Amino acid sequence: MIRRPLAALAALAALALAPSQACAEANELRVAKQFGLGYLQFFVMENQKLIEARAKQAGLGDIKVAWSQFRSSDVMNDALISGTVDFVCLGIPGIATIWAKTRGNIDVRGVSGLNQLPLILLTRNPAVKSLKDFSDKDRIALPAIKVSMQAMLLQMAAVKEFGDANVGKFDALAVSMAHPDATAAMLGGPSEISANFSSAPFQYRQMKNPAIRKLTSSVEILGGPSSFNIMAATAKFRAENPKLYKAFLDALEDATKWINADKKAAAELYLRAANDKTPLDEMLAMMNDKDIAFTTKAQGVAQFVDFMFKTGAIKVKAEKWQDLMFPDARGLN
């Protein structure tokens, strides 16, 4: 007689608890980054534990944040699709690729811009004075073949110089290589690498060598500035973790404001965190370059999306570039 009421009460208690457990947000956030100054906000967020602070303010308690470093967008895309990371930073071609691939299923879209950085194509081959001088013997190092921002810019440059039929003219010369390794190859002894499409601070470090020359840049190819990175996440993570999702974006805004308020302190933090030996005054000069901005504003997206659809790199046409972003994404205006 006593056992049945107790059993019924236990069952009711379990049912009462079930909804709160199902709605519980993740207690760990996994963020992916790459190499270089373009990820400065991440170094600040990690060093100052800004995500943890915002999560606690949101009532999520103590959140663990795991930071991973990847070579390029293609690897991060795989990690996001497999569910091993929650937020990734992608070049515009990377976000366009994964948006087109995941529409109607896991639905990956942009959540915020991250920065505006020029990307510079450099060569150490004295015979190469322009794009027209590259030969079959040259090898161009970039983060990932065909899918990285540098690879897409190289295709754009080929079309601009040689016409639509030559979009893949330089694809056979491209070699996937992380920025630190490519810089070592460019500044070191004999190597198959004769050119590098890189990013800050690596491209500036290379240009200090008088034997290395600039051929072109993203600003010249596009006719103006563009976002270097777009932050992305899945619709599932966004829906299941609204507070944690917002905590991350608020922390990103905090880091961006802090950097722009005190670039010297930000430069010092980056040099320590990245174990970068660049002199402080040189790092500050890079950060104050007129073409570099740390901002959540997304820009230059439409040019890449239109080009990728035109060349068949993506099979889905966006009605407008904002389709690649969630409606509440930062930096849309």
Protein backbone atom coordinates (compact mmCIF):
# COMPACT_ATOMS: atom_id res chain seq x y z
CA MET A 1 0.00 0.00 0.00
CA ILE A 2 2.86 2.41 0.86
CA ARG A 3 5.16 1.36 -1.99
CA ARG A 4 2.75 2.29 -4.82
CA PRO A 5 2.31 5.97 -3.77
CA LEU A 6 6.08 6.28 -3.30
CA ALA A 7 6.71 4.85 -6.75
CA ALA A 8 4.16 7.23 -8.26
CA LEU A 9 5.76 10.19 -6.50
CA ALA A 10 9.19 9.16 -7.81
CA ALA A 11 7.85 8.95 -11.34
CA LEU A 12 6.28 12.40 -11.08
CA ALA A 13 9.53 13.82 -9.73
CA ALA A 14 11.43 12.35 -12.67
CA LEU A 15 8.97 13.89 -15.13
CA ALA A 16 9.26 17.26 -13.41
CA LEU A 17 13.04 17.15 -13.65
CA ALA A 18 13.18 15.98 -17.27
CA PRO A 19 12.32 19.29 -18.96
CA SER A 20 14.97 21.27 -17.05
CA GLN A 21 17.61 18.67 -17.87
CA ALA A 22 16.62 18.66 -21.54
CA CYS A 23 16.86 22.46 -21.65
CA ALA A 24 20.21 22.64 -19.86
CA GLU A 25 22.87 24.43 -21.89
CA ALA A 26 26.35 23.06 -22.52
CA ASN A 27 28.87 23.52 -19.73
CA GLU A 28 31.80 23.61 -22.17
CA LEU A 29 32.37 25.87 -25.17
CA ARG A 30 34.79 24.78 -27.91
CA VAL A 31 36.29 27.49 -30.11
CA ALA A 32 38.60 27.07 -33.10
CA LYS A 33 41.16 29.62 -34.28
CA GLN A 34 44.02 29.84 -36.76
CA PHE A 35 47.46 31.47 -36.70
CA GLY A 36 48.28 35.16 -36.72
CA LEU A 37 47.16 38.66 -35.80
CA GLY A 38 43.76 38.08 -37.40
CA TYR A 39 42.75 36.13 -34.29
CA LEU A 40 43.74 38.82 -31.80
CA GLN A 41 40.27 38.99 -30.24
CA PHE A 42 40.53 35.28 -29.43
CA PHE A 43 43.86 35.76 -27.69
CA VAL A 44 42.26 38.53 -25.61
CA MET A 45 39.14 36.47 -24.86
CA GLU A 46 41.24 33.50 -23.77
CA ASN A 47 43.74 35.52 -21.72
CA GLN A 48 41.14 37.62 -19.93
CA LYS A 49 38.56 34.82 -19.66
CA LEU A 50 35.90 37.06 -21.15
CA ILE A 51 33.61 34.22 -22.24
CA GLU A 52 33.68 32.70 -18.76
CA ALA A 53 32.79 36.11 -17.25
CA ARG A 54 29.90 36.69 -19.65
CA ALA A 55 28.59 33.16 -19.13
CA LYS A 56 28.57 33.65 -15.37
CA GLN A 57 26.69 36.96 -15.78
CA ALA A 58 24.12 35.06 -17.86
CA GLY A 59 23.54 32.63 -14.99
CA LEU A 60 25.37 29.69 -16.60
CA GLY A 61 27.81 29.20 -13.75
CA ASP A 62 31.37 28.07 -14.40
CA ILE A 63 31.81 27.33 -18.10
CA LYS A 64 34.91 25.62 -19.44
CA VAL A 65 36.26 27.09 -22.70
CA ALA A 66 38.47 24.88 -24.88
CA TRP A 67 40.57 26.59 -27.57
CA SER A 68 41.85 24.68 -30.61
CA GLN A 69 44.19 25.88 -33.36
CA PHE A 70 43.72 24.76 -36.96
CA ARG A 71 45.67 25.29 -40.19
CA SER A 72 42.79 26.52 -42.36
CA SER A 73 39.06 26.85 -43.01
CA ASP A 74 38.64 23.44 -44.64
CA VAL A 75 39.84 21.63 -41.51
CA MET A 76 37.66 23.79 -39.26
CA ASN A 77 34.63 23.19 -41.47
CA ASP A 78 35.08 19.44 -40.98
CA ALA A 79 35.38 19.93 -37.22
CA LEU A 80 32.20 22.02 -37.08
CA ILE A 81 30.20 19.55 -39.18
CA SER A 82 31.40 16.64 -37.02
CA GLY A 83 30.38 18.48 -33.85
CA THR A 84 33.84 18.64 -32.29
CA VAL A 85 33.84 22.47 -32.12
CA ASP A 86 31.08 25.04 -31.54
CA PHE A 87 32.46 28.23 -33.06
CA VAL A 88 34.89 28.55 -35.96
CA CYS A 89 36.49 31.50 -37.72
CA LEU A 90 36.35 31.20 -41.49
CA GLY A 91 37.48 33.22 -44.45
CA ILE A 92 34.58 34.36 -46.61
CA PRO A 93 35.04 31.44 -49.07
CA GLY A 94 34.96 29.07 -46.10
CA ILE A 95 31.66 30.39 -44.78
CA ALA A 96 30.18 30.42 -48.30
CA THR A 97 31.23 26.80 -48.85
CA ILE A 98 29.85 25.44 -45.59
CA TRP A 99 26.65 27.53 -45.85
CA ALA A 100 25.92 26.06 -49.29
CA LYS A 101 26.80 22.54 -48.15
CA THR A 102 24.70 22.53 -44.94
CA ARG A 103 21.53 24.35 -46.03
CA GLY A 104 18.52 22.32 -45.00
CA ASN A 105 20.45 20.11 -42.56
CA ILE A 106 22.79 21.41 -39.85
CA ASP A 107 22.56 24.94 -41.29
CA VAL A 108 25.91 26.60 -40.62
CA ARG A 109 25.81 30.38 -40.85
CA GLY A 110 27.83 33.41 -39.80
CA VAL A 111 27.38 34.93 -36.36
CA SER A 112 29.74 37.91 -36.59
CA GLY A 113 32.54 39.56 -38.48
CA LEU A 114 35.93 39.48 -36.77
CA ASN A 115 38.30 41.85 -38.51
CA GLN A 116 39.43 43.55 -41.70
CA LEU A 117 42.94 42.62 -42.84
CA PRO A 118 44.72 42.93 -46.19
CA LEU A 119 46.17 39.69 -47.58
CA ILE A 120 49.36 40.12 -49.62
CA LEU A 121 50.81 37.85 -52.30
CA LEU A 122 54.62 37.86 -52.03
CA THR A 123 57.38 36.28 -54.09
CA ARG A 124 61.09 35.66 -53.60
CA ASN A 125 61.68 34.57 -57.18
CA PRO A 126 63.60 37.44 -58.87
CA ALA A 127 62.22 36.39 -62.27
CA VAL A 128 58.62 36.97 -61.15
CA LYS A 129 57.76 40.64 -61.59
CA SER A 130 53.99 40.13 -62.00
CA LEU A 131 51.40 37.34 -62.06
CA LYS A 132 52.21 36.75 -65.73
CA ASP A 133 55.74 35.62 -64.83
CA PHE A 134 54.77 32.58 -62.72
CA SER A 135 55.94 29.33 -64.32
CA ASP A 136 55.42 25.61 -63.65
CA LYS A 137 58.53 25.71 -61.45
CA ASP A 138 56.95 28.15 -58.96
CA ARG A 139 55.03 27.02 -55.88
CA ILE A 140 52.65 29.35 -54.03
CA ALA A 141 52.07 28.54 -50.35
CA LEU A 142 48.64 29.32 -48.90
CA PRO A 143 46.51 27.92 -46.05
CA ALA A 144 44.37 25.58 -48.18
CA ILE A 145 44.06 24.87 -51.89
CA LYS A 146 40.89 26.18 -53.62
CA VAL A 147 38.88 26.82 -50.43
CA SER A 148 40.95 29.30 -48.40
CA MET A 149 40.48 33.04 -48.77
CA GLN A 150 43.94 33.32 -50.32
CA ALA A 151 43.16 30.56 -52.84
CA MET A 152 39.95 32.27 -53.90
CA LEU A 153 41.73 35.62 -54.22
CA LEU A 154 44.33 33.92 -56.41
CA GLN A 155 41.54 32.70 -58.69
CA MET A 156 40.00 36.17 -58.76
CA ALA A 157 43.39 37.63 -59.70
CA ALA A 158 43.75 35.04 -62.48
CA VAL A 159 40.36 36.00 -63.93
CA LYS A 160 41.20 39.68 -63.67
CA GLU A 161 44.53 39.18 -65.46
CA PHE A 162 43.76 36.39 -67.95
CA GLY A 163 39.96 36.18 -68.29
CA ASP A 164 37.19 33.84 -67.04
CA ALA A 165 38.55 30.76 -68.83
CA ASN A 166 41.73 30.92 -66.71
CA VAL A 167 40.11 30.89 -63.26
CA GLY A 168 42.20 27.86 -62.22
CA LYS A 169 45.44 28.99 -63.88
CA PHE A 170 47.42 28.99 -60.62
CA ASP A 171 45.70 26.04 -58.88
CA ALA A 172 48.46 23.61 -59.92
CA LEU A 173 51.08 25.88 -58.33
CA ALA A 174 49.31 26.13 -54.96
CA VAL A 175 50.61 24.25 -51.90
CA SER A 176 48.69 23.98 -48.59
CA MET A 177 50.91 25.21 -45.77
CA ALA A 178 50.36 26.85 -42.38
CA HIS A 179 51.51 30.48 -42.19
CA PRO A 180 54.48 29.87 -39.81
CA ASP A 181 55.82 27.06 -42.03
CA ALA A 182 55.36 29.12 -45.20
CA THR A 183 57.17 32.05 -43.61
CA ALA A 184 60.06 29.80 -42.61
CA ALA A 185 60.23 28.51 -46.20
CA MET A 186 60.20 32.03 -47.65
CA LEU A 187 62.88 33.32 -45.28
CA GLY A 188 65.00 30.16 -45.16
CA GLY A 189 67.30 28.41 -47.59
CA PRO A 190 66.46 26.42 -50.72
CA SER A 191 62.78 25.44 -50.93
CA GLU A 192 60.18 24.70 -53.57
CA ILE A 193 58.14 27.58 -52.13
CA SER A 194 58.81 30.69 -54.21
CA ALA A 195 55.69 32.67 -53.27
CA ASN A 196 53.30 33.00 -50.35
CA PHE A 197 49.77 34.39 -50.01
CA SER A 198 49.72 35.00 -46.28
CA SER A 199 48.29 37.33 -43.63
CA ALA A 200 49.48 39.53 -40.76
CA PRO A 201 51.93 39.40 -39.10
CA PHE A 202 53.65 36.84 -41.34
CA GLN A 203 53.46 38.85 -44.57
CA TYR A 204 54.98 41.92 -42.89
CA ARG A 205 57.79 39.83 -41.41
CA GLN A 206 58.59 38.47 -44.86
CA MET A 207 58.57 41.94 -46.46
CA LYS A 208 61.42 43.01 -44.21
CA ASN A 209 63.63 40.81 -46.40
CA PRO A 210 64.69 42.88 -49.45
CA ALA A 211 64.62 39.76 -51.64
CA ILE A 212 60.85 39.39 -51.09
CA ARG A 213 58.48 41.57 -53.08
CA LYS A 214 54.76 42.28 -53.20
CA LEU A 215 52.88 41.20 -56.32
CA THR A 216 49.30 42.06 -55.38
CA SER A 217 46.91 42.15 -52.42
CA SER A 218 43.29 41.50 -51.51
CA VAL A 219 42.62 45.25 -51.49
CA GLU A 220 43.90 45.56 -55.07
CA ILE A 221 42.08 42.44 -56.30
CA LEU A 222 38.75 43.37 -54.70
CA GLY A 223 39.03 47.11 -55.13
CA GLY A 224 38.65 47.74 -51.41
CA PRO A 225 38.71 46.20 -47.91
CA SER A 226 36.93 43.02 -46.86
CA SER A 227 36.46 40.89 -43.78
CA PHE A 228 39.34 38.51 -43.21
CA ASN A 229 37.24 36.27 -40.99
CA ILE A 230 33.60 35.51 -40.29
CA MET A 231 32.61 33.66 -37.11
CA ALA A 232 30.24 30.73 -37.70
CA ALA A 233 28.17 28.18 -35.77
CA THR A 234 25.43 25.63 -36.41
CA ALA A 235 21.72 26.39 -36.05
CA LYS A 236 21.52 23.48 -33.58
CA PHE A 237 24.10 24.96 -31.22
CA ARG A 238 22.48 28.39 -31.46
CA ALA A 239 19.01 26.98 -30.69
CA GLU A 240 20.10 24.72 -27.84
CA ASN A 241 22.47 27.18 -26.15
CA PRO A 242 20.99 30.69 -26.51
CA LYS A 243 22.65 32.10 -23.39
CA LEU A 244 26.06 30.59 -24.13
CA TYR A 245 25.79 31.69 -27.76
CA LYS A 246 25.10 35.27 -26.67
CA ALA A 247 27.81 35.12 -23.99
CA PHE A 248 30.38 34.29 -26.67
CA LEU A 249 29.26 37.16 -28.91
CA ASP A 250 29.19 39.62 -26.00
CA ALA A 251 32.73 38.52 -25.06
CA LEU A 252 33.81 39.04 -28.67
CA GLU A 253 32.42 42.59 -28.54
CA ASP A 254 34.23 43.17 -25.22
CA ALA A 255 37.55 42.02 -26.70
CA THR A 256 37.09 44.14 -29.83
CA LYS A 257 36.38 47.28 -27.81
CA TRP A 258 39.34 46.62 -25.50
CA ILE A 259 41.74 46.22 -28.43
CA ASN A 260 40.62 49.45 -30.09
CA ALA A 261 40.81 51.34 -26.79
CA ASP A 262 44.42 50.31 -26.08
CA LYS A 263 46.29 48.86 -29.05
CA LYS A 264 49.62 48.91 -27.25
CA ALA A 265 48.31 46.68 -24.46
CA ALA A 266 46.66 44.46 -27.09
CA ALA A 267 49.93 44.18 -29.03
CA GLU A 268 51.81 43.25 -25.87
CA LEU A 269 49.22 40.60 -25.03
CA TYR A 270 49.38 39.11 -28.54
CA LEU A 271 53.19 38.93 -28.54
CA ARG A 272 53.16 37.09 -25.23
CA ALA A 273 50.28 34.75 -26.03
CA ALA A 274 51.49 33.88 -29.55
CA ASN A 275 55.14 33.68 -28.45
CA ASP A 276 55.84 36.10 -31.30
CA LYS A 277 59.29 37.74 -31.36
CA THR A 278 58.23 40.72 -33.48
CA PRO A 279 59.36 43.99 -31.83
CA LEU A 280 56.51 45.83 -30.14
CA ASP A 281 56.85 48.95 -32.29
CA GLU A 282 56.59 46.86 -35.47
CA MET A 283 53.50 45.06 -34.19
CA LEU A 284 51.89 48.38 -33.31
CA ALA A 285 52.71 49.72 -36.78
CA MET A 286 50.91 46.71 -38.30
CA MET A 287 47.87 47.20 -36.07
CA ASN A 288 47.70 50.87 -37.05
CA ASP A 289 47.88 50.11 -40.78
CA LYS A 290 44.98 51.95 -42.48
CA ASP A 291 43.83 48.67 -44.07
CA ILE A 292 43.67 46.78 -40.75
CA ALA A 293 40.64 47.04 -38.46
CA PHE A 294 39.41 44.95 -35.57
CA THR A 295 35.66 45.05 -36.04
CA THR A 296 32.64 42.76 -35.90
CA LYS A 297 31.34 44.39 -39.09
CA ALA A 298 31.03 41.92 -41.98
CA GLN A 299 32.06 43.34 -45.35
CA GLY A 300 33.14 42.27 -48.83
CA VAL A 301 31.06 39.11 -48.60
CA ALA A 302 28.94 39.67 -51.74
CA GLN A 303 31.94 39.74 -54.11
CA PHE A 304 33.15 36.33 -52.97
CA VAL A 305 29.70 34.74 -52.96
CA ASP A 306 28.90 35.97 -56.47
CA PHE A 307 32.31 34.86 -57.79
CA MET A 308 32.05 31.41 -56.20
CA PHE A 309 28.59 30.80 -57.65
CA LYS A 310 29.69 32.03 -61.08
CA THR A 311 32.71 29.69 -61.12
CA GLY A 312 30.83 26.70 -59.69
CA ALA A 313 32.66 26.65 -56.35
CA ILE A 314 29.24 26.71 -54.68
CA LYS A 315 26.04 25.39 -56.27
CA VAL A 316 23.57 27.54 -54.35
CA LYS A 317 22.94 31.18 -55.21
CA ALA A 318 22.31 33.52 -52.31
CA GLU A 319 19.58 36.11 -52.91
CA LYS A 320 21.60 38.49 -50.76
CA TRP A 321 24.88 38.04 -48.89
CA GLN A 322 23.12 38.39 -45.53
CA ASP A 323 21.57 34.96 -46.20
CA LEU A 324 24.90 33.52 -45.07
CA MET A 325 24.42 35.07 -41.61
CA PHE A 326 21.95 34.40 -38.80
CA PRO A 327 19.36 37.20 -38.41
CA ASP A 328 20.84 38.25 -35.06
CA ALA A 329 24.48 38.17 -36.29
CA ARG A 330 26.71 41.02 -35.16
CA GLY A 331 28.03 43.48 -37.73
CA LEU A 332 25.29 43.14 -40.33
CA ASN A 333 24.58 46.89 -40.46
